[in-house]
Amino acid sequence: MEFDNNTLSGIIENASPLVWVALISILKAVVVYFIGKWVIGLVMKAVNKIFKKSDLDESLTSFLKSFLSGLLHVLLILAVLATLGVEVTAFVAILGAAGLAVGLALQGSLANFAGGVLILLFKPFKIGDTVEAQGTLGSVEKIDILYTTIRQFDNKVVTVPNGNLANNNITNYSEKPTRRVEMAVGVAYGTDLKLTRKIILDTLKKDERIHADPAPAVYFTNFGDNSLDLSVRCWSDAGDLWPVFWDNMENIKESLEENNIEVPFPQRDVHHFFPEGNIELKNVEKK
C-alpha cells in the first residue's frame, strides 16, 4: 500500500494532538510520582519522630512503618495510573477480592497478627517477665507479631500463638515489684497458738528480705484432720519470693522444734471391742 505526501501529512496532522496529549499525560504522571515520593518521605520522617518519642515496642513500630510505607506506595501507584488515564476502579476491585481471599485463607494467622498488635500496643507483659498463660508458666523470651516464646523453668521452650494470648487470661508475676509469700504450717492439737505465732513472727523478723510494711502475719485457718493449720503471710521483693519461702519454711520448722512445739504427722485412733468381756482396747496407729 502506497501513501502519497498528502495522505502522510494528514496522518501526522491527525496524530499530533494525540501524541501531545500522551506526552502531557506522561509528564503529569512523572510529576505526580516524584511529588508523591517526596510527600511519602515527609510522612515517614514525621512518623519516625513520633515513634521515637513513644514507648511502643520496636517490633510493633517496625511493622507499622513498613505497613504504612507499603500502603502509601500503593496509593501513589494508583494516583499515577489515574493520571495516565487508566481506569483504576478495576484495580481496586481486584485488590479487594484478593485481600478477601487471602483473609479467608489465613484467618488463624490474621487472628495471631491482631493479637500480636494488641500485645505490643497495650503491653500486658514484656520480655523477661514471668507469666502464666495457656497452661504455660515461664519467662517471656521473645514477642513477635504472630507468636510469643516462653521458656519454662525446666528450660523447655513453648511457642504460644498471640491470638490465644490476647483473648485469654494472662497472669503476670513480674508486673509488681513486691509479692506476698504464703506458707502453710501445721501444729499439733493442744499447742499454744499465741506462743506459736510469736515464735514464727520472731523467726521472720530475722530475714532482712522480708518487708516490715506490710507486716508479716500468722492466722489460724482450719481445724485439720491431724493438725491446727496456720497461714503465714509476709511480703518481699518479687525476685526474692521463692528464696524467702524455702529458707523460712526450714527456719520455722527448726524454731518450732527448738521450742518443743510438735509438727504433727497423720495419726489415727483405733478402738478394738471384745464383746465377751466388754473390754475396750485403745491403740494409736501412726503412719
Protein backbone atom coordinates (compact mmCIF):
# COMPACT_ATOMS: atom_id res chain seq x y z
CA MET A 1 0.00 0.00 0.00
CA GLU A 2 1.47 3.34 -1.07
CA PHE A 3 0.92 6.67 0.61
CA ASP A 4 1.26 9.96 -1.19
CA ASN A 5 2.56 13.05 0.54
CA ASN A 6 -0.90 14.40 1.23
CA THR A 7 -2.03 11.17 2.99
CA LEU A 8 1.12 11.05 5.15
CA SER A 9 0.75 14.68 6.07
CA GLY A 10 -2.87 14.05 7.05
CA ILE A 11 -1.91 11.15 9.30
CA ILE A 12 0.81 13.19 11.00
CA GLU A 13 -1.57 16.10 11.35
CA ASN A 14 -4.26 13.95 12.98
CA ALA A 15 -1.80 12.06 15.21
CA SER A 16 -0.01 15.13 16.52
CA PRO A 17 -2.72 16.10 19.04
CA LEU A 18 -2.83 12.51 20.36
CA VAL A 19 0.95 12.44 20.79
CA TRP A 20 0.90 15.74 22.64
CA VAL A 21 -1.91 14.51 24.90
CA ALA A 22 0.05 11.31 25.64
CA LEU A 23 3.25 13.25 26.33
CA ILE A 24 1.41 15.66 28.63
CA SER A 25 -0.19 12.71 30.49
CA ILE A 26 3.18 11.03 30.90
CA LEU A 27 4.73 14.29 32.10
CA LYS A 28 1.91 14.74 34.62
CA ALA A 29 2.35 11.15 35.81
CA VAL A 30 6.08 11.71 36.32
CA VAL A 31 5.40 14.90 38.26
CA VAL A 32 2.76 13.12 40.38
CA TYR A 33 5.18 10.27 41.05
CA PHE A 34 8.05 12.46 42.24
CA ILE A 35 5.78 14.73 44.28
CA GLY A 36 4.19 11.62 45.80
CA LYS A 37 7.60 10.17 46.70
CA TRP A 38 8.54 13.46 48.33
CA VAL A 39 5.32 13.55 50.32
CA ILE A 40 5.79 9.90 51.40
CA GLY A 41 9.29 10.76 52.58
CA LEU A 42 7.96 13.65 54.67
CA VAL A 43 5.21 11.49 56.15
CA MET A 44 7.63 8.67 57.05
CA LYS A 45 10.05 11.13 58.70
CA ALA A 46 7.21 12.53 60.78
CA VAL A 47 6.10 9.00 61.71
CA ASN A 48 9.66 8.07 62.70
CA LYS A 49 9.85 11.07 65.03
CA ILE A 50 6.51 10.17 66.61
CA PHE A 51 7.56 6.55 67.15
CA LYS A 52 10.90 7.60 68.67
CA LYS A 53 9.08 9.74 71.23
CA SER A 54 6.57 6.97 72.02
CA ASP A 55 7.22 3.90 74.18
CA LEU A 56 5.89 1.45 71.60
CA ASP A 57 7.73 -1.83 71.17
CA GLU A 58 10.39 -1.84 68.44
CA SER A 59 8.80 -4.84 66.71
CA LEU A 60 5.46 -3.02 66.50
CA THR A 61 6.95 0.27 65.27
CA SER A 62 8.96 -1.55 62.60
CA PHE A 63 5.86 -3.36 61.35
CA LEU A 64 3.68 -0.23 61.42
CA LYS A 65 6.27 1.77 59.47
CA SER A 66 6.57 -0.97 56.83
CA PHE A 67 2.81 -1.30 56.56
CA LEU A 68 2.27 2.47 56.25
CA SER A 69 5.04 2.81 53.69
CA GLY A 70 3.59 0.00 51.58
CA LEU A 71 0.07 1.47 51.77
CA LEU A 72 1.28 4.92 50.71
CA HIS A 73 3.19 3.48 47.76
CA VAL A 74 0.11 1.54 46.60
CA LEU A 75 -1.92 4.78 46.72
CA LEU A 76 0.84 6.54 44.79
CA ILE A 77 0.79 3.89 42.05
CA LEU A 78 -2.99 4.22 41.75
CA ALA A 79 -2.65 8.01 41.50
CA VAL A 80 -0.03 7.67 38.73
CA LEU A 81 -2.26 5.24 36.80
CA ALA A 82 -5.23 7.60 37.16
CA THR A 83 -3.09 10.45 35.81
CA LEU A 84 -2.25 8.34 32.78
CA GLY A 85 -5.96 7.86 32.15
CA VAL A 86 -6.08 4.24 33.28
CA GLU A 87 -9.34 3.17 34.94
CA VAL A 88 -8.27 2.29 38.48
CA THR A 89 -11.67 1.03 39.65
CA ALA A 90 -10.91 -2.41 38.22
CA PHE A 91 -7.56 -2.50 40.04
CA VAL A 92 -9.20 -1.57 43.33
CA ALA A 93 -11.81 -4.29 42.85
CA ILE A 94 -9.10 -6.87 42.09
CA LEU A 95 -7.09 -5.82 45.17
CA GLY A 96 -10.22 -6.04 47.31
CA ALA A 97 -11.09 -9.52 46.05
CA ALA A 98 -7.50 -10.69 46.53
CA GLY A 99 -7.45 -9.28 50.06
CA LEU A 100 -10.71 -11.06 50.91
CA ALA A 101 -9.42 -14.38 49.55
CA VAL A 102 -6.15 -14.07 51.48
CA GLY A 103 -8.06 -13.09 54.63
CA LEU A 104 -10.31 -16.15 54.43
CA ALA A 105 -7.34 -18.43 53.80
CA LEU A 106 -5.32 -17.02 56.68
CA GLN A 107 -7.95 -16.49 59.38
CA GLY A 108 -5.81 -18.05 62.11
CA SER A 109 -2.71 -16.09 61.13
CA LEU A 110 -4.69 -12.85 60.97
CA ALA A 111 -6.05 -13.53 64.47
CA ASN A 112 -2.48 -14.07 65.69
CA PHE A 113 -1.40 -10.92 63.91
CA ALA A 114 -4.17 -8.86 65.53
CA GLY A 115 -3.30 -10.41 68.90
CA GLY A 116 0.37 -9.52 68.41
CA VAL A 117 -0.53 -5.90 67.64
CA LEU A 118 -2.67 -5.72 70.81
CA ILE A 119 0.06 -7.29 72.96
CA LEU A 120 2.77 -4.97 71.61
CA LEU A 121 0.46 -1.97 71.92
CA PHE A 122 -1.01 -2.50 75.39
CA LYS A 123 1.92 -4.49 76.87
CA PRO A 124 0.27 -6.92 79.31
CA PHE A 125 3.78 -8.37 79.63
CA LYS A 126 7.27 -7.69 78.32
CA ILE A 127 10.42 -9.66 77.61
CA GLY A 128 11.83 -11.09 80.83
CA ASP A 129 8.52 -11.17 82.70
CA THR A 130 7.36 -14.38 84.39
CA VAL A 131 3.86 -15.16 83.14
CA GLU A 132 1.30 -17.94 83.24
CA ALA A 133 -0.93 -18.31 80.19
CA GLN A 134 -2.47 -21.10 78.14
CA GLY A 135 -1.30 -23.66 80.69
CA THR A 136 2.31 -22.47 80.41
CA LEU A 137 4.36 -20.92 83.24
CA GLY A 138 7.73 -19.41 82.46
CA SER A 139 9.79 -16.40 81.39
CA VAL A 140 8.97 -14.46 78.20
CA GLU A 141 11.92 -14.71 75.82
CA LYS A 142 10.57 -13.16 72.62
CA ILE A 143 7.45 -11.35 71.40
CA ASP A 144 6.91 -11.49 67.63
CA ILE A 145 3.98 -10.18 65.60
CA LEU A 146 2.44 -13.69 65.38
CA TYR A 147 3.87 -15.72 68.26
CA THR A 148 5.28 -15.30 71.79
CA THR A 149 8.09 -17.54 73.04
CA ILE A 150 8.03 -18.60 76.71
CA ARG A 151 10.88 -20.52 78.38
CA GLN A 152 9.66 -22.74 81.18
CA PHE A 153 11.67 -23.21 84.37
CA ASP A 154 12.79 -26.69 83.27
CA ASN A 155 14.28 -24.99 80.18
CA LYS A 156 11.61 -26.16 77.75
CA VAL A 157 10.60 -23.52 75.18
CA VAL A 158 6.92 -23.06 74.34
CA THR A 159 5.70 -21.01 71.36
CA VAL A 160 2.21 -19.60 72.02
CA PRO A 161 0.03 -18.00 69.27
CA ASN A 162 -0.66 -14.35 70.05
CA GLY A 163 -4.35 -14.74 69.15
CA ASN A 164 -4.81 -17.10 72.10
CA LEU A 165 -2.82 -14.87 74.44
CA ALA A 166 -4.76 -11.73 73.55
CA ASN A 167 -8.15 -13.39 74.10
CA ASN A 168 -7.49 -15.26 77.35
CA ASN A 169 -6.34 -14.60 80.89
CA ILE A 170 -2.65 -13.84 81.46
CA THR A 171 -1.11 -13.90 84.94
CA ASN A 172 1.97 -11.66 85.12
CA TYR A 173 4.11 -12.45 88.17
CA SER A 174 6.64 -9.70 87.37
CA GLU A 175 4.32 -6.71 86.89
CA LYS A 176 4.57 -5.53 90.51
CA PRO A 177 7.87 -5.06 92.38
CA THR A 178 6.67 -6.90 95.52
CA ARG A 179 4.98 -10.26 96.09
CA ARG A 180 3.23 -11.89 99.03
CA VAL A 181 4.84 -15.06 100.35
CA GLU A 182 2.37 -17.61 101.73
CA MET A 183 3.42 -20.57 103.89
CA ALA A 184 1.21 -23.24 105.47
CA VAL A 185 2.24 -24.51 108.90
CA GLY A 186 0.51 -27.18 110.98
CA VAL A 187 0.96 -27.78 114.73
CA ALA A 188 -0.40 -30.49 116.98
CA TYR A 189 -3.73 -30.20 118.76
CA GLY A 190 -3.25 -28.72 122.23
CA THR A 191 -0.46 -26.38 121.08
CA ASP A 192 -0.44 -22.82 122.45
CA LEU A 193 -1.27 -20.83 119.30
CA LYS A 194 -0.22 -17.48 120.76
CA LEU A 195 3.22 -18.83 121.56
CA THR A 196 3.45 -20.45 118.15
CA ARG A 197 2.51 -17.20 116.45
CA LYS A 198 5.19 -15.31 118.40
CA ILE A 199 7.88 -17.87 117.52
CA ILE A 200 7.03 -17.72 113.81
CA LEU A 201 6.97 -13.91 113.72
CA ASP A 202 10.30 -13.71 115.58
CA THR A 203 11.76 -16.10 113.00
CA LEU A 204 10.52 -13.97 110.10
CA LYS A 205 11.96 -10.78 111.61
CA LYS A 206 15.46 -12.23 111.31
CA ASP A 207 15.17 -12.29 107.50
CA GLU A 208 16.10 -8.86 106.07
CA ARG A 209 14.49 -9.72 102.75
CA ILE A 210 11.05 -9.67 104.36
CA HIS A 211 9.38 -6.25 104.36
CA ALA A 212 8.28 -4.64 107.61
CA ASP A 213 5.36 -2.95 105.84
CA PRO A 214 3.01 -4.69 105.30
CA ALA A 215 3.97 -6.54 108.45
CA PRO A 216 4.18 -10.34 108.49
CA ALA A 217 1.08 -12.06 109.89
CA VAL A 218 0.12 -15.50 111.16
CA TYR A 219 -3.52 -16.63 111.05
CA PHE A 220 -5.24 -19.72 112.42
CA THR A 221 -7.17 -21.03 109.41
CA ASN A 222 -8.51 -24.54 109.99
CA PHE A 223 -9.07 -27.49 112.31
CA GLY A 224 -7.30 -30.08 110.20
CA ASP A 225 -7.63 -33.86 110.47
CA ASN A 226 -4.29 -34.11 112.26
CA SER A 227 -3.24 -30.53 112.98
CA LEU A 228 -4.18 -26.96 113.72
CA ASP A 229 -3.49 -25.22 110.43
CA LEU A 230 -1.82 -21.80 110.31
CA SER A 231 -1.32 -19.48 107.34
CA VAL A 232 1.91 -17.46 107.42
CA ARG A 233 2.00 -14.38 105.19
CA CYS A 234 4.74 -11.85 104.53
CA TRP A 235 5.92 -9.58 101.70
CA SER A 236 9.22 -9.46 99.82
CA ASP A 237 10.67 -8.23 96.56
CA ALA A 238 9.34 -10.24 93.61
CA GLY A 239 12.77 -11.68 92.87
CA ASP A 240 13.18 -12.92 96.47
CA LEU A 241 9.84 -14.74 96.72
CA TRP A 242 10.99 -18.34 96.37
CA PRO A 243 14.26 -17.99 98.34
CA VAL A 244 12.27 -16.37 101.17
CA PHE A 245 9.72 -19.19 101.03
CA TRP A 246 12.22 -22.04 101.04
CA ASP A 247 14.55 -20.55 103.68
CA ASN A 248 11.82 -19.59 106.11
CA MET A 249 9.92 -22.87 105.84
CA GLU A 250 13.09 -24.54 107.11
CA ASN A 251 13.77 -21.84 109.71
CA ILE A 252 10.21 -22.05 111.08
CA LYS A 253 10.49 -25.85 111.42
CA GLU A 254 13.74 -25.53 113.35
CA SER A 255 12.35 -22.78 115.61
CA LEU A 256 9.27 -24.82 116.45
CA GLU A 257 11.38 -27.89 117.29
CA GLU A 258 13.69 -25.79 119.50
CA ASN A 259 10.63 -24.69 121.49
CA ASN A 260 9.23 -28.21 121.74
CA ILE A 261 6.24 -27.44 119.54
CA GLU A 262 5.21 -30.57 117.70
CA VAL A 263 4.76 -30.54 113.94
CA PRO A 264 2.23 -33.39 113.65
CA PHE A 265 2.00 -36.28 111.24
CA PRO A 266 -1.11 -38.22 110.22
CA GLN A 267 -2.33 -40.49 113.01
CA ARG A 268 -5.45 -42.46 113.76
CA ASP A 269 -7.15 -43.78 116.91
CA VAL A 270 -8.18 -47.44 116.54
CA HIS A 271 -10.64 -48.94 119.06
CA HIS A 272 -10.93 -52.73 119.43
CA PHE A 273 -14.05 -54.08 121.16
CA PHE A 274 -14.29 -57.54 122.75
CA PRO A 275 -17.99 -58.37 123.17
CA GLU A 276 -17.44 -61.28 125.64
CA GLY A 277 -15.75 -59.25 128.32
CA ASN A 278 -16.96 -55.85 127.22
CA ILE A 279 -13.30 -54.75 127.13
CA GLU A 280 -12.10 -51.77 125.09
CA LEU A 281 -8.51 -51.75 123.89
CA LYS A 282 -7.19 -48.47 122.60
CA ASN A 283 -4.22 -48.31 120.30
CA VAL A 284 -2.70 -45.48 118.30
CA GLU A 285 -1.65 -46.37 114.81
CA LYS A 286 0.89 -43.95 113.36
CA LYS A 287 1.51 -43.58 109.68
